[in-house]
Amino acid sequence: MEPLSNAARRSLEALLQYPLGDSGRAYLERRGLAEVASDLRLGQVSANPRPEHRRYAGRLVIPSFSARGTVCDMALRSLEDEDPVKYLFMPGINKRLFGLDDVASAGTEIHITEGHPDRMSLKACGLHAVGVAGVNAWKAYHSRIFAGFERVYYWQQSDDKGQSEGLGERIRASLGGVGVIFVSAPPGHDVNSYLVEAGRQAVLDLVPRDDDSEGESSDRVQHFDDDGVEIPY
């Protein structure tokens, strides 16, 4: 993974400065995500933004942070569900996993979802999660990032079963000895739509549990960043 250029880093940092507007907050409330807006550092590009951000005017700012906590990517989401271009991304920045800052604090278990809304939805439920933007976004070196976990929960998208199964099996094969447990929302739902309809506890009740998985081990778990370097505690 190539490091960000200074220009790209400055542009990402500038996007982080936009506060969340009223329309952005209303959108997040409709999707059950308003309570995690601050923790996820969500914002909204203003109607009169910096010149280089004009094409993103009015869009929700969804930053992605590396395992070391630095901003490394940005998704700009339209607030209009009928918009044919729901997401725009910064040019010249290689796609990374979304939310790798959760890796260092997740303990022995972590969740993987497809895309941004489902990852944010699991965060709203109090879970540590990382998002993957489809089957082609999973790379072989990602196995190093998750190698220290005892359990990895992969959330399938029931409305796109074929692609989800392909990604899930790719993750399972890549992680080898790490237990990958598949989780599905009810038919016709993704994680976010089920959160909105049924609430946080209903989402949490979908996670398989047994006597061996209650609580987290007190043993130290090694976690690794995007480059395979161990993250110190």
C-alpha atoms as a PDB file:
ATOM      1  CA  MET A   1       0.000   0.000   0.000  1.00  0.00           C
ATOM      2  CA  GLU A   2       1.506   3.288  -1.120  1.00  0.00           C
ATOM      3  CA  PRO A   3       1.671   6.040   1.516  1.00  0.00           C
ATOM      4  CA  LEU A   4      -0.546   9.082   1.106  1.00  0.00           C
ATOM      5  CA  SER A   5       0.950  12.098  -0.598  1.00  0.00           C
ATOM      6  CA  ASN A   6       1.190  15.318   1.400  1.00  0.00           C
ATOM      7  CA  ALA A   7      -1.491  16.875  -0.814  1.00  0.00           C
ATOM      8  CA  ALA A   8      -3.872  13.962  -0.244  1.00  0.00           C
ATOM      9  CA  ARG A   9      -3.290  14.062   3.496  1.00  0.00           C
ATOM     10  CA  ARG A  10      -3.980  17.820   3.609  1.00  0.00           C
ATOM     11  CA  SER A  11      -7.220  17.362   1.654  1.00  0.00           C
ATOM     12  CA  LEU A  12      -8.392  14.588   3.967  1.00  0.00           C
ATOM     13  CA  GLU A  13      -7.613  16.679   7.029  1.00  0.00           C
ATOM     14  CA  ALA A  14      -9.544  19.611   5.502  1.00  0.00           C
ATOM     15  CA  LEU A  15     -12.623  17.417   4.964  1.00  0.00           C
ATOM     16  CA  LEU A  16     -12.496  16.445   8.636  1.00  0.00           C
ATOM     17  CA  GLN A  17     -13.095  20.073   9.578  1.00  0.00           C
ATOM     18  CA  TYR A  18     -16.626  20.256   8.173  1.00  0.00           C
ATOM     19  CA  PRO A  19     -19.195  20.024  11.003  1.00  0.00           C
ATOM     20  CA  LEU A  20     -22.310  17.919  10.700  1.00  0.00           C
ATOM     21  CA  GLY A  21     -25.197  19.995   9.337  1.00  0.00           C
ATOM     22  CA  ASP A  22     -28.901  19.729  10.122  1.00  0.00           C
ATOM     23  CA  SER A  23     -29.707  17.684   7.024  1.00  0.00           C
ATOM     24  CA  GLY A  24     -26.801  15.343   7.722  1.00  0.00           C
ATOM     25  CA  ARG A  25     -27.935  14.812  11.315  1.00  0.00           C
ATOM     26  CA  ALA A  26     -31.520  14.182  10.170  1.00  0.00           C
ATOM     27  CA  TYR A  27     -30.235  11.561   7.700  1.00  0.00           C
ATOM     28  CA  LEU A  28     -28.241   9.825  10.438  1.00  0.00           C
ATOM     29  CA  GLU A  29     -31.217   9.870  12.791  1.00  0.00           C
ATOM     30  CA  ARG A  30     -33.335   8.139  10.140  1.00  0.00           C
ATOM     31  CA  ARG A  31     -30.685   5.429   9.905  1.00  0.00           C
ATOM     32  CA  GLY A  32     -30.167   5.000  13.643  1.00  0.00           C
ATOM     33  CA  LEU A  33     -26.624   6.381  13.516  1.00  0.00           C
ATOM     34  CA  ALA A  34     -26.871   9.835  15.113  1.00  0.00           C
ATOM     35  CA  GLU A  35     -25.473   8.664  18.461  1.00  0.00           C
ATOM     36  CA  VAL A  36     -22.185   7.516  16.912  1.00  0.00           C
ATOM     37  CA  ALA A  37     -21.702  10.555  14.645  1.00  0.00           C
ATOM     38  CA  SER A  38     -19.233  12.190  17.027  1.00  0.00           C
ATOM     39  CA  ASP A  39     -17.248   9.005  17.734  1.00  0.00           C
ATOM     40  CA  LEU A  40     -16.947   8.288  14.007  1.00  0.00           C
ATOM     41  CA  ARG A  41     -16.117  11.953  13.318  1.00  0.00           C
ATOM     42  CA  LEU A  42     -18.840  12.269  10.707  1.00  0.00           C
ATOM     43  CA  GLY A  43     -19.366  15.636   9.101  1.00  0.00           C
ATOM     44  CA  GLN A  44     -21.049  17.259   6.129  1.00  0.00           C
ATOM     45  CA  VAL A  45     -19.502  19.271   3.342  1.00  0.00           C
ATOM     46  CA  SER A  46     -21.002  22.750   3.465  1.00  0.00           C
ATOM     47  CA  ALA A  47     -23.070  24.291   0.670  1.00  0.00           C
ATOM     48  CA  ASN A  48     -20.153  26.656   0.003  1.00  0.00           C
ATOM     49  CA  PRO A  49     -17.089  24.485   0.540  1.00  0.00           C
ATOM     50  CA  ARG A  50     -13.435  24.933  -0.273  1.00  0.00           C
ATOM     51  CA  PRO A  51     -12.920  25.054  -4.070  1.00  0.00           C
ATOM     52  CA  GLU A  52     -11.424  21.552  -4.224  1.00  0.00           C
ATOM     53  CA  HIS A  53     -14.481  20.137  -2.421  1.00  0.00           C
ATOM     54  CA  ARG A  54     -17.230  21.671  -4.574  1.00  0.00           C
ATOM     55  CA  ARG A  55     -18.235  18.365  -6.141  1.00  0.00           C
ATOM     56  CA  TYR A  56     -18.915  17.030  -2.625  1.00  0.00           C
ATOM     57  CA  ALA A  57     -21.137  19.934  -1.477  1.00  0.00           C
ATOM     58  CA  GLY A  58     -23.877  18.776   0.885  1.00  0.00           C
ATOM     59  CA  ARG A  59     -22.553  15.212   1.158  1.00  0.00           C
ATOM     60  CA  LEU A  60     -21.967  13.326   4.374  1.00  0.00           C
ATOM     61  CA  VAL A  61     -18.276  13.070   5.289  1.00  0.00           C
ATOM     62  CA  ILE A  62     -17.382   9.528   6.387  1.00  0.00           C
ATOM     63  CA  PRO A  63     -13.683   9.339   7.308  1.00  0.00           C
ATOM     64  CA  SER A  64     -11.683   6.154   7.555  1.00  0.00           C
ATOM     65  CA  PHE A  65      -8.799   5.870   9.975  1.00  0.00           C
ATOM     66  CA  SER A  66      -5.772   3.599   9.936  1.00  0.00           C
ATOM     67  CA  ALA A  67      -5.024   1.172  12.740  1.00  0.00           C
ATOM     68  CA  ARG A  68      -2.772   3.883  14.192  1.00  0.00           C
ATOM     69  CA  GLY A  69      -5.567   6.451  14.201  1.00  0.00           C
ATOM     70  CA  THR A  70      -4.571   8.672  11.261  1.00  0.00           C
ATOM     71  CA  VAL A  71      -7.121   9.582   8.596  1.00  0.00           C
ATOM     72  CA  CYS A  72      -6.378   7.585   5.446  1.00  0.00           C
ATOM     73  CA  ASP A  73      -9.474   7.737   3.264  1.00  0.00           C
ATOM     74  CA  MET A  74     -12.832   9.452   2.921  1.00  0.00           C
ATOM     75  CA  ALA A  75     -16.247   8.472   1.595  1.00  0.00           C
ATOM     76  CA  LEU A  76     -18.670  11.244   0.601  1.00  0.00           C
ATOM     77  CA  ARG A  77     -22.240   9.954   0.797  1.00  0.00           C
ATOM     78  CA  SER A  78     -25.221  11.607  -0.873  1.00  0.00           C
ATOM     79  CA  LEU A  79     -28.105  12.328   1.494  1.00  0.00           C
ATOM     80  CA  GLU A  80     -30.599  11.609  -1.291  1.00  0.00           C
ATOM     81  CA  ASP A  81     -31.449   7.896  -1.492  1.00  0.00           C
ATOM     82  CA  GLU A  82     -32.585   8.287  -5.100  1.00  0.00           C
ATOM     83  CA  ASP A  83     -29.209   9.737  -6.122  1.00  0.00           C
ATOM     84  CA  PRO A  84     -27.682   7.262  -8.639  1.00  0.00           C
ATOM     85  CA  VAL A  85     -24.193   8.145  -7.354  1.00  0.00           C
ATOM     86  CA  LYS A  86     -24.523   7.470  -3.647  1.00  0.00           C
ATOM     87  CA  TYR A  87     -20.784   7.542  -2.857  1.00  0.00           C
ATOM     88  CA  LEU A  88     -17.895   9.600  -4.126  1.00  0.00           C
ATOM     89  CA  PHE A  89     -14.293   8.993  -3.107  1.00  0.00           C
ATOM     90  CA  MET A  90     -11.122  11.040  -3.104  1.00  0.00           C
ATOM     91  CA  PRO A  91      -9.113  10.666  -6.318  1.00  0.00           C
ATOM     92  CA  GLY A  92      -5.617   9.215  -6.128  1.00  0.00           C
ATOM     93  CA  ILE A  93      -6.153   7.393  -2.825  1.00  0.00           C
ATOM     94  CA  ASN A  94      -6.011   3.599  -2.777  1.00  0.00           C
ATOM     95  CA  LYS A  95      -9.036   1.996  -1.122  1.00  0.00           C
ATOM     96  CA  ARG A  96      -8.387   0.678   2.364  1.00  0.00           C
ATOM     97  CA  LEU A  97     -10.487  -1.226   4.838  1.00  0.00           C
ATOM     98  CA  PHE A  98     -12.938   1.091   6.591  1.00  0.00           C
ATOM     99  CA  GLY A  99     -12.406   1.594  10.309  1.00  0.00           C
ATOM    100  CA  LEU A 100      -9.088  -0.077  10.995  1.00  0.00           C
ATOM    101  CA  ASP A 101      -8.769   2.039  14.143  1.00  0.00           C
ATOM    102  CA  ASP A 102     -11.063  -0.538  15.773  1.00  0.00           C
ATOM    103  CA  VAL A 103      -8.417  -3.241  15.391  1.00  0.00           C
ATOM    104  CA  ALA A 104      -6.284  -1.996  18.279  1.00  0.00           C
ATOM    105  CA  SER A 105      -9.170  -1.809  20.762  1.00  0.00           C
ATOM    106  CA  ALA A 106     -11.252  -4.832  19.813  1.00  0.00           C
ATOM    107  CA  GLY A 107      -9.795  -7.420  22.214  1.00  0.00           C
ATOM    108  CA  THR A 108     -10.181 -11.008  20.986  1.00  0.00           C
ATOM    109  CA  GLU A 109     -13.180 -10.610  18.659  1.00  0.00           C
ATOM    110  CA  ILE A 110     -13.975  -8.356  15.731  1.00  0.00           C
ATOM    111  CA  HIS A 111     -16.731  -7.990  13.134  1.00  0.00           C
ATOM    112  CA  ILE A 112     -16.371  -7.502   9.377  1.00  0.00           C
ATOM    113  CA  THR A 113     -19.116  -6.019   7.214  1.00  0.00           C
ATOM    114  CA  GLU A 114     -19.520  -4.984   3.602  1.00  0.00           C
ATOM    115  CA  GLY A 115     -19.442  -1.235   3.176  1.00  0.00           C
ATOM    116  CA  HIS A 116     -19.857   1.806   5.361  1.00  0.00           C
ATOM    117  CA  PRO A 117     -23.488   1.771   6.620  1.00  0.00           C
ATOM    118  CA  ASP A 118     -23.291  -1.732   8.091  1.00  0.00           C
ATOM    119  CA  ARG A 119     -19.998  -1.017   9.822  1.00  0.00           C
ATOM    120  CA  MET A 120     -21.418   2.178  11.315  1.00  0.00           C
ATOM    121  CA  SER A 121     -24.533   0.245  12.362  1.00  0.00           C
ATOM    122  CA  LEU A 122     -22.483  -2.299  14.294  1.00  0.00           C
ATOM    123  CA  LYS A 123     -20.634   0.579  15.941  1.00  0.00           C
ATOM    124  CA  ALA A 124     -24.032   1.965  16.984  1.00  0.00           C
ATOM    125  CA  CYS A 125     -24.642  -1.410  18.642  1.00  0.00           C
ATOM    126  CA  GLY A 126     -21.396  -1.164  20.604  1.00  0.00           C
ATOM    127  CA  LEU A 127     -19.431  -3.669  18.511  1.00  0.00           C
ATOM    128  CA  HIS A 128     -15.930  -3.326  17.083  1.00  0.00           C
ATOM    129  CA  ALA A 129     -16.142  -3.588  13.297  1.00  0.00           C
ATOM    130  CA  VAL A 130     -14.240  -3.075  10.051  1.00  0.00           C
ATOM    131  CA  GLY A 131     -15.859  -2.523   6.650  1.00  0.00           C
ATOM    132  CA  VAL A 132     -14.829  -4.045   3.305  1.00  0.00           C
ATOM    133  CA  ALA A 133     -16.057  -2.454   0.069  1.00  0.00           C
ATOM    134  CA  GLY A 134     -16.953  -5.684  -1.744  1.00  0.00           C
ATOM    135  CA  VAL A 135     -15.165  -8.897  -2.615  1.00  0.00           C
ATOM    136  CA  ASN A 136     -12.480  -7.217  -4.730  1.00  0.00           C
ATOM    137  CA  ALA A 137     -11.461  -4.957  -1.859  1.00  0.00           C
ATOM    138  CA  TRP A 138     -10.188  -7.867   0.242  1.00  0.00           C
ATOM    139  CA  LYS A 139      -6.449  -8.325  -0.322  1.00  0.00           C
ATOM    140  CA  ALA A 140      -4.185 -11.191   0.663  1.00  0.00           C
ATOM    141  CA  TYR A 141      -2.164  -9.051   3.091  1.00  0.00           C
ATOM    142  CA  HIS A 142      -5.322  -8.239   5.103  1.00  0.00           C
ATOM    143  CA  SER A 143      -4.955 -11.626   6.781  1.00  0.00           C
ATOM    144  CA  ARG A 144      -2.069 -10.159   8.817  1.00  0.00           C
ATOM    145  CA  ILE A 145      -4.370  -7.515  10.273  1.00  0.00           C
ATOM    146  CA  PHE A 146      -6.823 -10.066  11.674  1.00  0.00           C
ATOM    147  CA  ALA A 147      -4.366 -12.835  12.547  1.00  0.00           C
ATOM    148  CA  GLY A 148      -4.404 -12.052  16.283  1.00  0.00           C
ATOM    149  CA  PHE A 149      -8.139 -12.479  16.796  1.00  0.00           C
ATOM    150  CA  GLU A 150      -9.744 -15.576  18.238  1.00  0.00           C
ATOM    151  CA  ARG A 151     -13.015 -14.973  16.424  1.00  0.00           C
ATOM    152  CA  VAL A 152     -13.987 -12.939  13.381  1.00  0.00           C
ATOM    153  CA  TYR A 153     -17.692 -12.405  12.675  1.00  0.00           C
ATOM    154  CA  TYR A 154     -18.534 -11.813   9.027  1.00  0.00           C
ATOM    155  CA  TRP A 155     -21.907 -10.193   8.351  1.00  0.00           C
ATOM    156  CA  GLN A 156     -23.415 -11.393   5.081  1.00  0.00           C
ATOM    157  CA  GLN A 157     -25.715  -9.135   3.105  1.00  0.00           C
ATOM    158  CA  SER A 158     -28.923 -11.032   2.467  1.00  0.00           C
ATOM    159  CA  ASP A 159     -29.876  -8.651  -0.351  1.00  0.00           C
ATOM    160  CA  ASP A 160     -26.686  -9.459  -2.297  1.00  0.00           C
ATOM    161  CA  LYS A 161     -26.111 -13.076  -1.346  1.00  0.00           C
ATOM    162  CA  GLY A 162     -23.792 -14.111  -4.139  1.00  0.00           C
ATOM    163  CA  GLN A 163     -21.217 -11.357  -3.643  1.00  0.00           C
ATOM    164  CA  SER A 164     -21.418 -11.651   0.141  1.00  0.00           C
ATOM    165  CA  GLU A 165     -20.817 -15.384   0.103  1.00  0.00           C
ATOM    166  CA  GLY A 166     -17.844 -14.885  -2.214  1.00  0.00           C
ATOM    167  CA  LEU A 167     -16.318 -12.313   0.105  1.00  0.00           C
ATOM    168  CA  GLY A 168     -17.037 -14.354   3.208  1.00  0.00           C
ATOM    169  CA  GLU A 169     -15.412 -17.482   1.813  1.00  0.00           C
ATOM    170  CA  ARG A 170     -12.437 -15.443   0.646  1.00  0.00           C
ATOM    171  CA  ILE A 171     -11.999 -14.021   4.146  1.00  0.00           C
ATOM    172  CA  ARG A 172     -12.377 -17.462   5.728  1.00  0.00           C
ATOM    173  CA  ALA A 173      -9.760 -18.990   3.423  1.00  0.00           C
ATOM    174  CA  SER A 174      -7.403 -16.062   3.917  1.00  0.00           C
ATOM    175  CA  LEU A 175      -7.519 -16.160   7.721  1.00  0.00           C
ATOM    176  CA  GLY A 176      -6.865 -19.880   7.921  1.00  0.00           C
ATOM    177  CA  GLY A 177      -6.754 -20.842  11.583  1.00  0.00           C
ATOM    178  CA  VAL A 178      -8.836 -17.915  12.807  1.00  0.00           C
ATOM    179  CA  GLY A 179     -12.452 -18.885  13.356  1.00  0.00           C
ATOM    180  CA  VAL A 180     -14.703 -16.959  10.928  1.00  0.00           C
ATOM    181  CA  ILE A 181     -18.371 -17.038  11.967  1.00  0.00           C
ATOM    182  CA  PHE A 182     -21.016 -16.001   9.454  1.00  0.00           C
ATOM    183  CA  VAL A 183     -23.874 -13.789  10.629  1.00  0.00           C
ATOM    184  CA  SER A 184     -26.928 -12.795   8.588  1.00  0.00           C
ATOM    185  CA  ALA A 185     -29.679 -10.259   9.075  1.00  0.00           C
ATOM    186  CA  PRO A 186     -33.208 -11.556   8.371  1.00  0.00           C
ATOM    187  CA  PRO A 187     -34.175 -11.924   4.697  1.00  0.00           C
ATOM    188  CA  GLY A 188     -34.682  -8.598   2.972  1.00  0.00           C
ATOM    189  CA  HIS A 189     -32.509  -6.714   5.456  1.00  0.00           C
ATOM    190  CA  ASP A 190     -28.964  -5.531   5.758  1.00  0.00           C
ATOM    191  CA  VAL A 191     -27.557  -4.620   9.157  1.00  0.00           C
ATOM    192  CA  ASN A 192     -28.645  -0.999   8.952  1.00  0.00           C
ATOM    193  CA  SER A 193     -32.217  -1.613   7.857  1.00  0.00           C
ATOM    194  CA  TYR A 194     -32.606  -4.215  10.612  1.00  0.00           C
ATOM    195  CA  LEU A 195     -31.182  -1.797  13.186  1.00  0.00           C
ATOM    196  CA  VAL A 196     -33.735   0.829  12.121  1.00  0.00           C
ATOM    197  CA  GLU A 197     -36.654  -1.620  12.164  1.00  0.00           C
ATOM    198  CA  ALA A 198     -35.860  -3.780  15.177  1.00  0.00           C
ATOM    199  CA  GLY A 199     -33.340  -1.891  17.303  1.00  0.00           C
ATOM    200  CA  ARG A 200     -29.886  -2.473  18.783  1.00  0.00           C
ATOM    201  CA  GLN A 201     -30.695  -5.500  20.912  1.00  0.00           C
ATOM    202  CA  ALA A 202     -32.227  -7.331  17.972  1.00  0.00           C
ATOM    203  CA  VAL A 203     -28.992  -6.846  16.011  1.00  0.00           C
ATOM    204  CA  LEU A 204     -26.909  -8.035  18.956  1.00  0.00           C
ATOM    205  CA  ASP A 205     -29.130 -11.103  19.313  1.00  0.00           C
ATOM    206  CA  LEU A 206     -28.060 -12.195  15.812  1.00  0.00           C
ATOM    207  CA  VAL A 207     -24.475 -12.779  17.007  1.00  0.00           C
ATOM    208  CA  PRO A 208     -23.954 -16.494  17.786  1.00  0.00           C
ATOM    209  CA  ARG A 209     -22.799 -17.077  21.362  1.00  0.00           C
ATOM    210  CA  ASP A 210     -21.830 -20.129  23.356  1.00  0.00           C
ATOM    211  CA  ASP A 211     -20.239 -20.798  26.731  1.00  0.00           C
ATOM    212  CA  ASP A 212     -16.723 -20.548  25.315  1.00  0.00           C
ATOM    213  CA  SER A 213     -17.277 -17.081  23.830  1.00  0.00           C
ATOM    214  CA  GLU A 214     -18.779 -15.329  26.840  1.00  0.00           C
ATOM    215  CA  GLY A 215     -16.473 -12.505  27.924  1.00  0.00           C
ATOM    216  CA  GLU A 216     -13.044 -11.667  26.552  1.00  0.00           C
ATOM    217  CA  SER A 217      -9.781 -13.329  27.354  1.00  0.00           C
ATOM    218  CA  SER A 218      -7.401 -11.407  29.553  1.00  0.00           C
ATOM    219  CA  ASP A 219      -4.432 -12.725  27.592  1.00  0.00           C
ATOM    220  CA  ARG A 220      -2.607 -10.198  25.474  1.00  0.00           C
ATOM    221  CA  VAL A 221      -3.610 -10.387  21.817  1.00  0.00           C
ATOM    222  CA  GLN A 222      -1.306  -9.220  19.042  1.00  0.00           C
ATOM    223  CA  HIS A 223      -2.852  -6.943  16.439  1.00  0.00           C
ATOM    224  CA  PHE A 224      -1.217  -5.574  13.296  1.00  0.00           C
ATOM    225  CA  ASP A 225      -1.708  -2.436  11.251  1.00  0.00           C
ATOM    226  CA  ASP A 226      -2.184  -1.984   7.486  1.00  0.00           C
ATOM    227  CA  ASP A 227       1.517  -2.661   6.872  1.00  0.00           C
ATOM    228  CA  GLY A 228       1.711  -5.754   9.090  1.00  0.00           C
ATOM    229  CA  VAL A 229       3.496  -3.916  11.917  1.00  0.00           C
ATOM    230  CA  GLU A 230       2.385  -4.867  15.419  1.00  0.00           C
ATOM    231  CA  ILE A 231       0.281  -2.227  17.159  1.00  0.00           C
ATOM    232  CA  PRO A 232       1.615  -1.586  20.679  1.00  0.00           C
ATOM    233  CA  TYR A 233      -0.785  -1.283  23.579  1.00  0.00           C
END
